[in-house]
Amino acid sequence: MNTKYFYPAYFHKAEEGGFWISFPDLPECLTQGDHMSEAYEMAVDALGLTLEDRIKDNDVPVPTPVDQLSPEEDAYTVIIEFDLLEYRKKHCSKAVKKTLSIPQWLNEEAMAKGINFSQVLQDGLKAQLGL
């Protein structure tokens, strides 16, 4: 699964100061910020929320190449990077219960040594997935 996404965004100068941001490939994705660094952070968050919904619906558009974009006069084109894996680690860490089966003798040995089954499973899955 792709975990990093790069989408062009238009940073428009807002009349009251700061910026409002739109994404040409994701018309529902809009946000704003009082200054450039805040606007960029807000753009990353907005992109993440939008892509999470789009991924669930299997409707992730291919980003338009920058040389094919035509921003309005008051806008700057900025490429926004979104790391889905980091976003999910930060926002989707709710524990889920899993049922598994292991041989009785292995369970008894692990229990005798005070092994944390959940931690061992998490560590094993991360290693298996290369995370």
N, C-alpha and C. Protein backbone atom coordinates (compact mmCIF):
# COMPACT_ATOMS: atom_id res chain seq x y z
N MET A 1 0.83 -1.17 0.00
CA MET A 1 0.00 0.00 0.00
C MET A 1 0.88 1.25 0.00
N ASN A 2 0.52 2.21 -0.80
CA ASN A 2 1.22 3.49 -0.83
C ASN A 2 0.97 4.20 0.50
N THR A 3 2.01 4.70 1.14
CA THR A 3 1.80 5.42 2.41
C THR A 3 2.14 6.90 2.31
N LYS A 4 2.81 7.33 1.24
CA LYS A 4 3.13 8.75 1.07
C LYS A 4 2.43 9.29 -0.17
N TYR A 5 1.80 10.42 0.02
CA TYR A 5 1.07 11.08 -1.05
C TYR A 5 1.58 12.51 -1.20
N PHE A 6 1.61 13.01 -2.43
CA PHE A 6 2.05 14.37 -2.72
C PHE A 6 1.01 15.02 -3.62
N TYR A 7 0.35 16.06 -3.11
CA TYR A 7 -0.70 16.73 -3.86
C TYR A 7 -0.40 18.23 -3.95
N PRO A 8 -0.68 18.82 -5.12
CA PRO A 8 -0.53 20.27 -5.23
C PRO A 8 -1.69 20.96 -4.51
N ALA A 9 -1.35 22.08 -3.89
CA ALA A 9 -2.35 22.91 -3.22
C ALA A 9 -2.14 24.34 -3.67
N TYR A 10 -3.21 25.09 -3.69
CA TYR A 10 -3.13 26.53 -3.97
C TYR A 10 -3.24 27.27 -2.64
N PHE A 11 -2.24 28.08 -2.36
CA PHE A 11 -2.25 28.95 -1.18
C PHE A 11 -2.67 30.34 -1.67
N HIS A 12 -3.89 30.73 -1.32
CA HIS A 12 -4.44 32.01 -1.72
C HIS A 12 -4.24 33.01 -0.59
N LYS A 13 -3.86 34.24 -0.93
CA LYS A 13 -3.78 35.28 0.09
C LYS A 13 -5.20 35.67 0.49
N ALA A 14 -5.46 35.62 1.78
CA ALA A 14 -6.78 35.98 2.30
C ALA A 14 -6.85 37.48 2.52
N GLU A 15 -8.00 38.07 2.25
CA GLU A 15 -8.17 39.52 2.41
C GLU A 15 -7.89 39.96 3.84
N GLU A 16 -8.31 39.16 4.82
CA GLU A 16 -8.13 39.52 6.23
C GLU A 16 -6.74 39.15 6.76
N GLY A 17 -5.88 38.64 5.89
CA GLY A 17 -4.54 38.21 6.28
C GLY A 17 -4.46 36.70 6.30
N GLY A 18 -3.28 36.19 6.22
CA GLY A 18 -3.10 34.75 6.20
C GLY A 18 -3.39 34.16 4.84
N PHE A 19 -3.74 32.89 4.84
CA PHE A 19 -3.96 32.16 3.59
C PHE A 19 -5.17 31.25 3.73
N TRP A 20 -5.83 31.02 2.60
CA TRP A 20 -6.79 29.92 2.52
C TRP A 20 -6.28 28.98 1.45
N ILE A 21 -6.50 27.70 1.67
CA ILE A 21 -5.87 26.67 0.83
C ILE A 21 -6.94 25.82 0.17
N SER A 22 -6.72 25.54 -1.12
CA SER A 22 -7.58 24.62 -1.86
C SER A 22 -6.70 23.62 -2.60
N PHE A 23 -7.29 22.49 -2.93
CA PHE A 23 -6.59 21.42 -3.64
C PHE A 23 -7.30 21.19 -4.97
N PRO A 24 -6.63 21.42 -6.09
CA PRO A 24 -7.31 21.26 -7.39
C PRO A 24 -7.83 19.85 -7.65
N ASP A 25 -7.20 18.84 -7.10
CA ASP A 25 -7.62 17.45 -7.32
C ASP A 25 -8.65 16.97 -6.30
N LEU A 26 -8.85 17.75 -5.25
CA LEU A 26 -9.75 17.36 -4.16
C LEU A 26 -10.61 18.58 -3.80
N PRO A 27 -11.65 18.86 -4.58
CA PRO A 27 -12.41 20.10 -4.40
C PRO A 27 -13.06 20.25 -3.02
N GLU A 28 -13.30 19.15 -2.33
CA GLU A 28 -13.91 19.23 -0.99
C GLU A 28 -12.89 19.59 0.09
N CYS A 29 -11.63 19.63 -0.25
CA CYS A 29 -10.56 19.84 0.72
C CYS A 29 -10.16 21.32 0.74
N LEU A 30 -10.60 22.01 1.78
CA LEU A 30 -10.30 23.44 1.97
C LEU A 30 -9.88 23.67 3.41
N THR A 31 -8.98 24.63 3.62
CA THR A 31 -8.57 24.98 4.97
C THR A 31 -7.97 26.38 4.95
N GLN A 32 -7.46 26.83 6.08
CA GLN A 32 -6.85 28.16 6.16
C GLN A 32 -5.83 28.21 7.28
N GLY A 33 -5.03 29.27 7.27
CA GLY A 33 -4.04 29.48 8.33
C GLY A 33 -3.67 30.94 8.40
N ASP A 34 -3.30 31.40 9.60
CA ASP A 34 -2.97 32.81 9.80
C ASP A 34 -1.62 33.21 9.20
N HIS A 35 -0.72 32.25 9.05
CA HIS A 35 0.58 32.52 8.44
C HIS A 35 1.02 31.26 7.70
N MET A 36 2.08 31.34 6.94
CA MET A 36 2.48 30.26 6.04
C MET A 36 2.68 28.93 6.76
N SER A 37 3.40 28.92 7.88
CA SER A 37 3.67 27.65 8.55
C SER A 37 2.38 27.03 9.09
N GLU A 38 1.51 27.84 9.67
CA GLU A 38 0.23 27.31 10.15
C GLU A 38 -0.62 26.82 8.98
N ALA A 39 -0.63 27.58 7.90
CA ALA A 39 -1.41 27.20 6.71
C ALA A 39 -0.91 25.86 6.16
N TYR A 40 0.40 25.66 6.15
CA TYR A 40 0.95 24.40 5.65
C TYR A 40 0.52 23.24 6.55
N GLU A 41 0.62 23.42 7.87
CA GLU A 41 0.20 22.37 8.81
C GLU A 41 -1.28 22.04 8.64
N MET A 42 -2.09 23.08 8.48
CA MET A 42 -3.52 22.87 8.29
C MET A 42 -3.80 22.15 6.97
N ALA A 43 -3.00 22.46 5.95
CA ALA A 43 -3.16 21.80 4.65
C ALA A 43 -2.84 20.31 4.76
N VAL A 44 -1.80 19.97 5.51
CA VAL A 44 -1.45 18.56 5.71
C VAL A 44 -2.59 17.84 6.43
N ASP A 45 -3.13 18.45 7.48
CA ASP A 45 -4.24 17.83 8.22
C ASP A 45 -5.48 17.66 7.34
N ALA A 46 -5.82 18.71 6.59
CA ALA A 46 -7.00 18.65 5.73
C ALA A 46 -6.82 17.58 4.65
N LEU A 47 -5.62 17.53 4.07
CA LEU A 47 -5.33 16.51 3.06
C LEU A 47 -5.48 15.11 3.66
N GLY A 48 -4.98 14.93 4.87
CA GLY A 48 -5.08 13.64 5.54
C GLY A 48 -6.51 13.20 5.76
N LEU A 49 -7.35 14.09 6.27
CA LEU A 49 -8.75 13.76 6.50
C LEU A 49 -9.45 13.41 5.19
N THR A 50 -9.17 14.18 4.16
CA THR A 50 -9.80 13.93 2.86
C THR A 50 -9.33 12.61 2.27
N LEU A 51 -8.03 12.36 2.31
CA LEU A 51 -7.52 11.10 1.75
C LEU A 51 -8.01 9.89 2.51
N GLU A 52 -8.14 9.98 3.83
CA GLU A 52 -8.68 8.85 4.60
C GLU A 52 -10.06 8.48 4.09
N ASP A 53 -10.91 9.48 3.86
CA ASP A 53 -12.25 9.20 3.32
C ASP A 53 -12.16 8.64 1.91
N ARG A 54 -11.31 9.22 1.09
CA ARG A 54 -11.17 8.77 -0.29
C ARG A 54 -10.62 7.34 -0.36
N ILE A 55 -9.69 7.01 0.54
CA ILE A 55 -9.12 5.66 0.56
C ILE A 55 -10.20 4.64 0.92
N LYS A 56 -11.02 4.97 1.91
CA LYS A 56 -12.11 4.07 2.30
C LYS A 56 -13.06 3.81 1.13
N ASP A 57 -13.28 4.86 0.31
CA ASP A 57 -14.18 4.74 -0.84
C ASP A 57 -13.47 4.26 -2.10
N ASN A 58 -12.17 3.97 -1.98
CA ASN A 58 -11.35 3.57 -3.13
C ASN A 58 -11.46 4.59 -4.26
N ASP A 59 -11.33 5.87 -3.90
CA ASP A 59 -11.52 6.98 -4.84
C ASP A 59 -10.41 8.02 -4.68
N VAL A 60 -9.16 7.56 -4.73
CA VAL A 60 -8.02 8.47 -4.58
C VAL A 60 -7.57 8.92 -5.97
N PRO A 61 -7.72 10.21 -6.29
CA PRO A 61 -7.32 10.67 -7.62
C PRO A 61 -5.81 10.77 -7.77
N VAL A 62 -5.36 10.65 -9.00
CA VAL A 62 -3.95 10.85 -9.31
C VAL A 62 -3.70 12.36 -9.27
N PRO A 63 -2.66 12.81 -8.56
CA PRO A 63 -2.39 14.26 -8.51
C PRO A 63 -2.08 14.82 -9.91
N THR A 64 -2.57 16.01 -10.16
CA THR A 64 -2.27 16.69 -11.41
C THR A 64 -0.81 17.13 -11.40
N PRO A 65 -0.05 16.88 -12.48
CA PRO A 65 1.33 17.36 -12.53
C PRO A 65 1.37 18.89 -12.41
N VAL A 66 2.36 19.39 -11.71
CA VAL A 66 2.46 20.82 -11.44
C VAL A 66 2.49 21.64 -12.72
N ASP A 67 3.14 21.14 -13.76
CA ASP A 67 3.24 21.92 -15.00
C ASP A 67 1.91 21.99 -15.76
N GLN A 68 0.90 21.27 -15.29
CA GLN A 68 -0.42 21.33 -15.92
C GLN A 68 -1.42 22.16 -15.11
N LEU A 69 -0.95 22.79 -14.04
CA LEU A 69 -1.82 23.58 -13.19
C LEU A 69 -1.81 25.04 -13.60
N SER A 70 -2.91 25.72 -13.35
CA SER A 70 -3.03 27.15 -13.63
C SER A 70 -3.66 27.84 -12.43
N PRO A 71 -2.85 28.15 -11.42
CA PRO A 71 -3.42 28.81 -10.24
C PRO A 71 -3.88 30.23 -10.57
N GLU A 72 -4.81 30.73 -9.78
CA GLU A 72 -5.28 32.10 -9.93
C GLU A 72 -4.15 33.06 -9.58
N GLU A 73 -4.32 34.32 -9.94
CA GLU A 73 -3.26 35.32 -9.72
C GLU A 73 -2.84 35.45 -8.26
N ASP A 74 -3.78 35.31 -7.35
CA ASP A 74 -3.47 35.52 -5.93
C ASP A 74 -2.99 34.25 -5.23
N ALA A 75 -2.68 33.21 -6.00
CA ALA A 75 -2.35 31.92 -5.38
C ALA A 75 -0.95 31.45 -5.72
N TYR A 76 -0.37 30.71 -4.78
CA TYR A 76 0.92 30.05 -4.96
C TYR A 76 0.66 28.55 -4.98
N THR A 77 1.36 27.83 -5.83
CA THR A 77 1.24 26.38 -5.83
C THR A 77 2.28 25.80 -4.89
N VAL A 78 1.82 24.95 -3.97
CA VAL A 78 2.68 24.31 -2.99
C VAL A 78 2.37 22.82 -3.01
N ILE A 79 3.41 22.00 -3.01
CA ILE A 79 3.20 20.55 -2.94
C ILE A 79 3.10 20.16 -1.47
N ILE A 80 2.02 19.46 -1.13
CA ILE A 80 1.80 19.02 0.24
C ILE A 80 2.07 17.53 0.32
N GLU A 81 2.94 17.14 1.26
CA GLU A 81 3.25 15.73 1.48
C GLU A 81 2.40 15.22 2.64
N PHE A 82 1.80 14.06 2.44
CA PHE A 82 1.02 13.43 3.49
C PHE A 82 1.51 12.00 3.67
N ASP A 83 1.89 11.66 4.90
CA ASP A 83 2.37 10.32 5.23
C ASP A 83 1.26 9.58 5.96
N LEU A 84 0.58 8.70 5.24
CA LEU A 84 -0.57 7.98 5.78
C LEU A 84 -0.19 7.13 6.99
N LEU A 85 0.95 6.47 6.95
CA LEU A 85 1.36 5.63 8.06
C LEU A 85 1.57 6.45 9.33
N GLU A 86 2.26 7.58 9.22
CA GLU A 86 2.47 8.44 10.39
C GLU A 86 1.16 8.99 10.91
N TYR A 87 0.27 9.37 9.99
CA TYR A 87 -1.04 9.89 10.37
C TYR A 87 -1.83 8.83 11.15
N ARG A 88 -1.82 7.61 10.66
CA ARG A 88 -2.56 6.54 11.34
C ARG A 88 -1.95 6.21 12.69
N LYS A 89 -0.62 6.26 12.79
CA LYS A 89 0.02 6.01 14.08
C LYS A 89 -0.42 7.06 15.10
N LYS A 90 -0.56 8.30 14.62
CA LYS A 90 -0.90 9.42 15.51
C LYS A 90 -2.39 9.45 15.86
N HIS A 91 -3.25 9.15 14.88
CA HIS A 91 -4.68 9.34 15.06
C HIS A 91 -5.51 8.06 15.18
N CYS A 92 -4.95 6.93 14.86
CA CYS A 92 -5.74 5.69 14.83
C CYS A 92 -5.11 4.62 15.71
N SER A 93 -4.76 4.98 16.92
CA SER A 93 -4.06 4.02 17.78
C SER A 93 -4.99 3.29 18.74
N LYS A 94 -6.28 3.34 18.48
CA LYS A 94 -7.24 2.62 19.31
C LYS A 94 -6.92 1.13 19.26
N ALA A 95 -6.91 0.50 20.43
CA ALA A 95 -6.61 -0.93 20.50
C ALA A 95 -7.81 -1.74 20.02
N VAL A 96 -7.54 -2.80 19.29
CA VAL A 96 -8.58 -3.73 18.86
C VAL A 96 -8.24 -5.10 19.41
N LYS A 97 -9.27 -5.83 19.80
CA LYS A 97 -9.07 -7.16 20.39
C LYS A 97 -8.97 -8.19 19.28
N LYS A 98 -7.99 -9.08 19.39
CA LYS A 98 -7.79 -10.16 18.44
C LYS A 98 -7.77 -11.47 19.19
N THR A 99 -8.38 -12.46 18.61
CA THR A 99 -8.36 -13.80 19.18
C THR A 99 -7.36 -14.62 18.38
N LEU A 100 -6.49 -15.36 19.08
CA LEU A 100 -5.52 -16.19 18.37
C LEU A 100 -5.38 -17.52 19.08
N SER A 101 -4.79 -18.44 18.39
CA SER A 101 -4.59 -19.78 18.94
C SER A 101 -3.11 -20.12 18.93
N ILE A 102 -2.65 -20.64 20.06
CA ILE A 102 -1.27 -21.13 20.16
C ILE A 102 -1.32 -22.46 20.91
N PRO A 103 -0.30 -23.28 20.77
CA PRO A 103 -0.29 -24.56 21.50
C PRO A 103 -0.30 -24.31 23.02
N GLN A 104 -0.94 -25.19 23.74
CA GLN A 104 -1.06 -25.04 25.19
C GLN A 104 0.31 -24.95 25.86
N TRP A 105 1.26 -25.80 25.47
CA TRP A 105 2.58 -25.81 26.10
C TRP A 105 3.26 -24.45 25.92
N LEU A 106 3.07 -23.81 24.73
CA LEU A 106 3.69 -22.51 24.46
C LEU A 106 3.05 -21.43 25.33
N ASN A 107 1.75 -21.51 25.50
CA ASN A 107 1.04 -20.58 26.36
C ASN A 107 1.54 -20.68 27.80
N GLU A 108 1.69 -21.93 28.29
CA GLU A 108 2.14 -22.13 29.66
C GLU A 108 3.55 -21.59 29.88
N GLU A 109 4.45 -21.83 28.93
CA GLU A 109 5.83 -21.31 29.03
C GLU A 109 5.84 -19.78 29.04
N ALA A 110 5.07 -19.19 28.15
CA ALA A 110 5.02 -17.73 28.06
C ALA A 110 4.42 -17.12 29.32
N MET A 111 3.35 -17.73 29.83
CA MET A 111 2.72 -17.24 31.06
C MET A 111 3.69 -17.32 32.24
N ALA A 112 4.45 -18.42 32.31
CA ALA A 112 5.41 -18.60 33.40
C ALA A 112 6.50 -17.54 33.38
N LYS A 113 6.82 -17.05 32.19
CA LYS A 113 7.87 -16.03 32.05
C LYS A 113 7.30 -14.61 32.06
N GLY A 114 5.97 -14.47 32.21
CA GLY A 114 5.35 -13.14 32.27
C GLY A 114 5.38 -12.40 30.95
N ILE A 115 5.30 -13.14 29.86
CA ILE A 115 5.34 -12.53 28.52
C ILE A 115 4.06 -11.74 28.27
N ASN A 116 4.20 -10.55 27.72
CA ASN A 116 3.05 -9.73 27.32
C ASN A 116 2.69 -10.12 25.89
N PHE A 117 1.62 -10.88 25.74
CA PHE A 117 1.23 -11.40 24.42
C PHE A 117 0.94 -10.28 23.42
N SER A 118 0.27 -9.24 23.88
CA SER A 118 -0.06 -8.13 22.98
C SER A 118 1.20 -7.47 22.43
N GLN A 119 2.18 -7.25 23.31
CA GLN A 119 3.42 -6.60 22.87
C GLN A 119 4.19 -7.48 21.90
N VAL A 120 4.24 -8.78 22.17
CA VAL A 120 4.93 -9.71 21.28
C VAL A 120 4.27 -9.72 19.90
N LEU A 121 2.93 -9.72 19.88
CA LEU A 121 2.21 -9.71 18.60
C LEU A 121 2.47 -8.41 17.85
N GLN A 122 2.41 -7.28 18.55
CA GLN A 122 2.68 -5.99 17.90
C GLN A 122 4.09 -5.95 17.34
N ASP A 123 5.07 -6.37 18.14
CA ASP A 123 6.46 -6.38 17.68
C ASP A 123 6.63 -7.28 16.46
N GLY A 124 6.01 -8.45 16.51
CA GLY A 124 6.10 -9.40 15.39
C GLY A 124 5.46 -8.85 14.13
N LEU A 125 4.28 -8.23 14.27
CA LEU A 125 3.61 -7.66 13.09
C LEU A 125 4.43 -6.52 12.50
N LYS A 126 5.00 -5.67 13.33
CA LYS A 126 5.83 -4.57 12.83
C LYS A 126 7.05 -5.12 12.09
N ALA A 127 7.68 -6.14 12.66
CA ALA A 127 8.84 -6.74 12.00
C ALA A 127 8.44 -7.37 10.66
N GLN A 128 7.33 -8.09 10.66
CA GLN A 128 6.85 -8.74 9.44
C GLN A 128 6.50 -7.73 8.36
N LEU A 129 5.96 -6.57 8.77
CA LEU A 129 5.56 -5.53 7.82
C LEU A 129 6.70 -4.56 7.48
N GLY A 130 7.82 -4.72 8.16
CA GLY A 130 8.96 -3.83 7.90
C GLY A 130 8.73 -2.42 8.42
N LEU A 131 8.02 -2.30 9.52
CA LEU A 131 7.71 -0.98 10.08
C LEU A 131 8.58 -0.65 11.27
